[in-house]
Amino acid sequence: MSYDPGALHAALAAAVGDDSALIADLRIAFIESASRQLDLMGRARCDANWQLAAWRLKGLAASFGVTALMALSDEAARSVPGDPRIMRQLRMAIAALEQD
C-alpha cells in the first residue's frame, strides 16, 4: 500500500488556503492525534478498545482524505488487538505523513 503524504497537505491547504503556518500547525495536530490513537491501539487488551481506537483513527484520516490510512485503520478494526503486522503498517503510514 502506498502512502501519499501529499493528500494531507492538499486537504489542509483546501481548508485554510495558503497560510503555511496554519497548515503546519494543523499537520502537527493531525499527527499527534493519529499517534495518540495508535498508542491506544498498542495498549488495547480487548476487542472493544482496539476497535474504538482504530475507528477513531479511521475517522480522523477520513476527515482529511488520507485514504491509505483510512484503509489500514479499517483493516486494523477487523484484526485482533495488538496485531504486529498492522501496527507496523500504521506506524509506517503515520511516519510517512510526518515526512512531508
N, C-alpha and C. Protein backbone atom coordinates (compact mmCIF):
# COMPACT_ATOMS: atom_id res chain seq x y z
N MET A 1 0.85 -1.16 0.00
CA MET A 1 0.00 0.00 0.00
C MET A 1 0.90 1.23 0.00
N SER A 2 0.61 2.17 -0.86
CA SER A 2 1.42 3.38 -0.91
C SER A 2 0.83 4.44 0.02
N TYR A 3 1.71 5.26 0.52
CA TYR A 3 1.29 6.33 1.41
C TYR A 3 1.46 7.64 0.67
N ASP A 4 0.47 8.48 0.71
CA ASP A 4 0.50 9.75 -0.01
C ASP A 4 0.43 10.90 0.98
N PRO A 5 1.58 11.34 1.48
CA PRO A 5 1.57 12.46 2.41
C PRO A 5 1.04 13.73 1.77
N GLY A 6 1.07 13.82 0.45
CA GLY A 6 0.56 14.99 -0.24
C GLY A 6 -0.93 15.16 -0.07
N ALA A 7 -1.65 14.07 0.15
CA ALA A 7 -3.09 14.15 0.33
C ALA A 7 -3.43 14.96 1.59
N LEU A 8 -2.67 14.78 2.63
CA LEU A 8 -2.91 15.53 3.86
C LEU A 8 -2.64 17.01 3.61
N HIS A 9 -1.55 17.31 2.96
CA HIS A 9 -1.23 18.71 2.67
C HIS A 9 -2.31 19.35 1.81
N ALA A 10 -2.77 18.64 0.80
CA ALA A 10 -3.81 19.16 -0.09
C ALA A 10 -5.10 19.44 0.68
N ALA A 11 -5.47 18.52 1.56
CA ALA A 11 -6.69 18.70 2.35
C ALA A 11 -6.56 19.90 3.29
N LEU A 12 -5.40 20.04 3.90
CA LEU A 12 -5.19 21.18 4.80
C LEU A 12 -5.18 22.49 4.03
N ALA A 13 -4.53 22.49 2.87
CA ALA A 13 -4.49 23.71 2.06
C ALA A 13 -5.89 24.08 1.57
N ALA A 14 -6.69 23.08 1.23
CA ALA A 14 -8.06 23.36 0.78
C ALA A 14 -8.90 23.95 1.92
N ALA A 15 -8.60 23.53 3.13
CA ALA A 15 -9.38 24.01 4.29
C ALA A 15 -8.98 25.41 4.73
N VAL A 16 -7.69 25.73 4.66
CA VAL A 16 -7.23 27.01 5.22
C VAL A 16 -6.53 27.90 4.22
N GLY A 17 -6.44 27.49 2.98
CA GLY A 17 -5.79 28.33 1.98
C GLY A 17 -4.28 28.21 2.03
N ASP A 18 -3.61 29.30 1.74
CA ASP A 18 -2.15 29.29 1.61
C ASP A 18 -1.41 29.68 2.89
N ASP A 19 -2.07 29.64 4.00
CA ASP A 19 -1.45 30.02 5.27
C ASP A 19 -0.54 28.87 5.72
N SER A 20 0.73 28.96 5.38
CA SER A 20 1.66 27.86 5.65
C SER A 20 1.85 27.59 7.15
N ALA A 21 1.80 28.63 7.96
CA ALA A 21 1.94 28.43 9.40
C ALA A 21 0.76 27.66 9.97
N LEU A 22 -0.44 27.99 9.51
CA LEU A 22 -1.63 27.27 9.98
C LEU A 22 -1.63 25.84 9.47
N ILE A 23 -1.20 25.63 8.23
CA ILE A 23 -1.10 24.27 7.68
C ILE A 23 -0.14 23.45 8.53
N ALA A 24 1.00 24.04 8.88
CA ALA A 24 1.99 23.32 9.70
C ALA A 24 1.41 22.98 11.07
N ASP A 25 0.71 23.91 11.68
CA ASP A 25 0.10 23.66 12.99
C ASP A 25 -0.95 22.55 12.91
N LEU A 26 -1.78 22.59 11.88
CA LEU A 26 -2.81 21.55 11.71
C LEU A 26 -2.19 20.20 11.41
N ARG A 27 -1.11 20.18 10.65
CA ARG A 27 -0.41 18.92 10.36
C ARG A 27 0.11 18.30 11.67
N ILE A 28 0.70 19.14 12.52
CA ILE A 28 1.20 18.66 13.80
C ILE A 28 0.05 18.09 14.64
N ALA A 29 -1.06 18.80 14.68
CA ALA A 29 -2.22 18.33 15.44
C ALA A 29 -2.74 17.00 14.88
N PHE A 30 -2.78 16.88 13.56
CA PHE A 30 -3.22 15.63 12.94
C PHE A 30 -2.30 14.48 13.33
N ILE A 31 -1.00 14.68 13.19
CA ILE A 31 -0.02 13.63 13.51
C ILE A 31 -0.10 13.25 14.98
N GLU A 32 -0.24 14.24 15.86
CA GLU A 32 -0.35 13.94 17.30
C GLU A 32 -1.60 13.13 17.59
N SER A 33 -2.70 13.49 16.98
CA SER A 33 -3.95 12.76 17.20
C SER A 33 -3.85 11.34 16.66
N ALA A 34 -3.29 11.19 15.46
CA ALA A 34 -3.12 9.86 14.88
C ALA A 34 -2.20 9.01 15.76
N SER A 35 -1.13 9.60 16.23
CA SER A 35 -0.18 8.88 17.09
C SER A 35 -0.84 8.48 18.41
N ARG A 36 -1.70 9.34 18.94
CA ARG A 36 -2.41 9.04 20.18
C ARG A 36 -3.33 7.82 19.99
N GLN A 37 -4.03 7.77 18.87
CA GLN A 37 -4.90 6.62 18.62
C GLN A 37 -4.08 5.35 18.42
N LEU A 38 -2.94 5.48 17.76
CA LEU A 38 -2.06 4.32 17.57
C LEU A 38 -1.55 3.83 18.92
N ASP A 39 -1.21 4.75 19.81
CA ASP A 39 -0.78 4.38 21.15
C ASP A 39 -1.90 3.65 21.90
N LEU A 40 -3.11 4.15 21.79
CA LEU A 40 -4.25 3.47 22.43
C LEU A 40 -4.44 2.07 21.86
N MET A 41 -4.25 1.93 20.57
CA MET A 41 -4.36 0.60 19.96
C MET A 41 -3.29 -0.32 20.52
N GLY A 42 -2.08 0.21 20.68
CA GLY A 42 -0.98 -0.60 21.21
C GLY A 42 -1.21 -1.04 22.64
N ARG A 43 -1.99 -0.27 23.39
CA ARG A 43 -2.27 -0.62 24.79
C ARG A 43 -3.58 -1.38 24.97
N ALA A 44 -4.35 -1.52 23.90
CA ALA A 44 -5.66 -2.18 23.99
C ALA A 44 -5.48 -3.66 24.33
N ARG A 45 -6.30 -4.12 25.27
CA ARG A 45 -6.25 -5.52 25.67
C ARG A 45 -7.55 -6.25 25.36
N CYS A 46 -8.49 -5.53 24.77
CA CYS A 46 -9.74 -6.18 24.39
C CYS A 46 -10.17 -5.67 23.02
N ASP A 47 -11.03 -6.43 22.39
CA ASP A 47 -11.50 -6.08 21.05
C ASP A 47 -12.16 -4.71 21.01
N ALA A 48 -12.96 -4.40 22.03
CA ALA A 48 -13.71 -3.14 22.03
C ALA A 48 -12.78 -1.93 22.04
N ASN A 49 -11.78 -1.92 22.89
CA ASN A 49 -10.84 -0.79 22.95
C ASN A 49 -10.02 -0.69 21.67
N TRP A 50 -9.60 -1.83 21.16
CA TRP A 50 -8.84 -1.87 19.91
C TRP A 50 -9.68 -1.28 18.76
N GLN A 51 -10.90 -1.75 18.64
CA GLN A 51 -11.76 -1.29 17.54
C GLN A 51 -12.09 0.19 17.68
N LEU A 52 -12.36 0.64 18.89
CA LEU A 52 -12.69 2.05 19.10
C LEU A 52 -11.53 2.94 18.65
N ALA A 53 -10.32 2.60 19.03
CA ALA A 53 -9.15 3.40 18.62
C ALA A 53 -8.95 3.33 17.11
N ALA A 54 -9.14 2.16 16.53
CA ALA A 54 -9.00 2.01 15.08
C ALA A 54 -10.06 2.83 14.35
N TRP A 55 -11.28 2.82 14.83
CA TRP A 55 -12.35 3.60 14.20
C TRP A 55 -12.10 5.10 14.34
N ARG A 56 -11.58 5.51 15.47
CA ARG A 56 -11.25 6.93 15.66
C ARG A 56 -10.14 7.36 14.70
N LEU A 57 -9.15 6.48 14.54
CA LEU A 57 -8.08 6.76 13.60
C LEU A 57 -8.62 6.83 12.17
N LYS A 58 -9.52 5.92 11.84
CA LYS A 58 -10.14 5.93 10.52
C LYS A 58 -10.93 7.22 10.30
N GLY A 59 -11.68 7.64 11.30
CA GLY A 59 -12.45 8.88 11.19
C GLY A 59 -11.56 10.10 11.02
N LEU A 60 -10.46 10.13 11.75
CA LEU A 60 -9.51 11.23 11.62
C LEU A 60 -8.94 11.26 10.20
N ALA A 61 -8.53 10.10 9.71
CA ALA A 61 -7.99 10.02 8.36
C ALA A 61 -9.04 10.41 7.32
N ALA A 62 -10.27 10.00 7.53
CA ALA A 62 -11.35 10.34 6.60
C ALA A 62 -11.61 11.84 6.57
N SER A 63 -11.47 12.48 7.71
CA SER A 63 -11.70 13.92 7.79
C SER A 63 -10.76 14.70 6.88
N PHE A 64 -9.60 14.12 6.60
CA PHE A 64 -8.60 14.81 5.79
C PHE A 64 -8.31 14.08 4.48
N GLY A 65 -9.10 13.08 4.16
CA GLY A 65 -8.95 12.39 2.88
C GLY A 65 -7.68 11.57 2.75
N VAL A 66 -7.14 11.10 3.86
CA VAL A 66 -5.93 10.29 3.83
C VAL A 66 -6.37 8.83 3.67
N THR A 67 -6.65 8.45 2.43
CA THR A 67 -7.30 7.17 2.15
C THR A 67 -6.47 5.96 2.53
N ALA A 68 -5.15 6.03 2.37
CA ALA A 68 -4.32 4.88 2.73
C ALA A 68 -4.42 4.59 4.23
N LEU A 69 -4.41 5.63 5.03
CA LEU A 69 -4.53 5.46 6.49
C LEU A 69 -5.94 5.00 6.85
N MET A 70 -6.94 5.48 6.12
CA MET A 70 -8.31 5.01 6.34
C MET A 70 -8.40 3.50 6.11
N ALA A 71 -7.84 3.03 5.01
CA ALA A 71 -7.89 1.61 4.68
C ALA A 71 -7.16 0.76 5.71
N LEU A 72 -6.01 1.22 6.15
CA LEU A 72 -5.27 0.49 7.18
C LEU A 72 -6.02 0.45 8.50
N SER A 73 -6.64 1.56 8.85
CA SER A 73 -7.42 1.63 10.09
C SER A 73 -8.61 0.69 10.03
N ASP A 74 -9.24 0.64 8.89
CA ASP A 74 -10.37 -0.26 8.70
C ASP A 74 -9.92 -1.72 8.81
N GLU A 75 -8.79 -2.02 8.20
CA GLU A 75 -8.23 -3.38 8.31
C GLU A 75 -7.89 -3.70 9.77
N ALA A 76 -7.34 -2.72 10.47
CA ALA A 76 -6.98 -2.92 11.88
C ALA A 76 -8.22 -3.23 12.71
N ALA A 77 -9.31 -2.53 12.45
CA ALA A 77 -10.54 -2.75 13.23
C ALA A 77 -11.04 -4.18 13.08
N ARG A 78 -10.72 -4.80 11.97
CA ARG A 78 -11.15 -6.19 11.74
C ARG A 78 -10.13 -7.22 12.20
N SER A 79 -8.96 -6.76 12.63
CA SER A 79 -7.93 -7.70 13.07
C SER A 79 -7.96 -7.85 14.60
N VAL A 80 -7.07 -8.66 15.10
CA VAL A 80 -7.03 -8.91 16.55
C VAL A 80 -6.23 -7.80 17.24
N PRO A 81 -6.56 -7.50 18.49
CA PRO A 81 -5.81 -6.47 19.22
C PRO A 81 -4.31 -6.78 19.26
N GLY A 82 -3.53 -5.76 18.95
CA GLY A 82 -2.08 -5.89 19.01
C GLY A 82 -1.44 -6.54 17.81
N ASP A 83 -2.19 -6.78 16.76
CA ASP A 83 -1.64 -7.43 15.56
C ASP A 83 -0.35 -6.69 15.14
N PRO A 84 0.81 -7.36 15.24
CA PRO A 84 2.07 -6.66 14.98
C PRO A 84 2.21 -6.19 13.53
N ARG A 85 1.65 -6.91 12.59
CA ARG A 85 1.76 -6.53 11.19
C ARG A 85 1.02 -5.21 10.92
N ILE A 86 -0.21 -5.13 11.39
CA ILE A 86 -1.00 -3.93 11.13
C ILE A 86 -0.46 -2.75 11.94
N MET A 87 0.04 -3.00 13.14
CA MET A 87 0.63 -1.92 13.93
C MET A 87 1.86 -1.36 13.21
N ARG A 88 2.68 -2.23 12.65
CA ARG A 88 3.87 -1.80 11.92
C ARG A 88 3.46 -0.96 10.70
N GLN A 89 2.44 -1.41 9.98
CA GLN A 89 1.97 -0.68 8.81
C GLN A 89 1.40 0.68 9.19
N LEU A 90 0.66 0.73 10.28
CA LEU A 90 0.11 2.01 10.74
C LEU A 90 1.23 2.97 11.15
N ARG A 91 2.24 2.45 11.85
CA ARG A 91 3.38 3.29 12.25
C ARG A 91 4.07 3.87 11.02
N MET A 92 4.26 3.01 10.01
CA MET A 92 4.91 3.46 8.77
C MET A 92 4.07 4.52 8.06
N ALA A 93 2.77 4.33 8.04
CA ALA A 93 1.89 5.29 7.37
C ALA A 93 1.93 6.65 8.06
N ILE A 94 1.89 6.64 9.38
CA ILE A 94 1.94 7.90 10.12
C ILE A 94 3.32 8.55 9.97
N ALA A 95 4.36 7.75 9.99
CA ALA A 95 5.71 8.29 9.80
C ALA A 95 5.85 8.93 8.42
N ALA A 96 5.23 8.33 7.40
CA ALA A 96 5.28 8.89 6.04
C ALA A 96 4.58 10.24 6.00
N LEU A 97 3.50 10.38 6.75
CA LEU A 97 2.79 11.65 6.79
C LEU A 97 3.62 12.73 7.47
N GLU A 98 4.47 12.33 8.40
CA GLU A 98 5.34 13.29 9.10
C GLU A 98 6.44 13.81 8.19
N GLN A 99 6.82 13.03 7.18
CA GLN A 99 7.94 13.38 6.32
C GLN A 99 7.65 14.54 5.38
N ASP A 100 6.40 14.73 5.02
CA ASP A 100 6.06 15.75 4.03
C ASP A 100 6.13 17.14 4.59
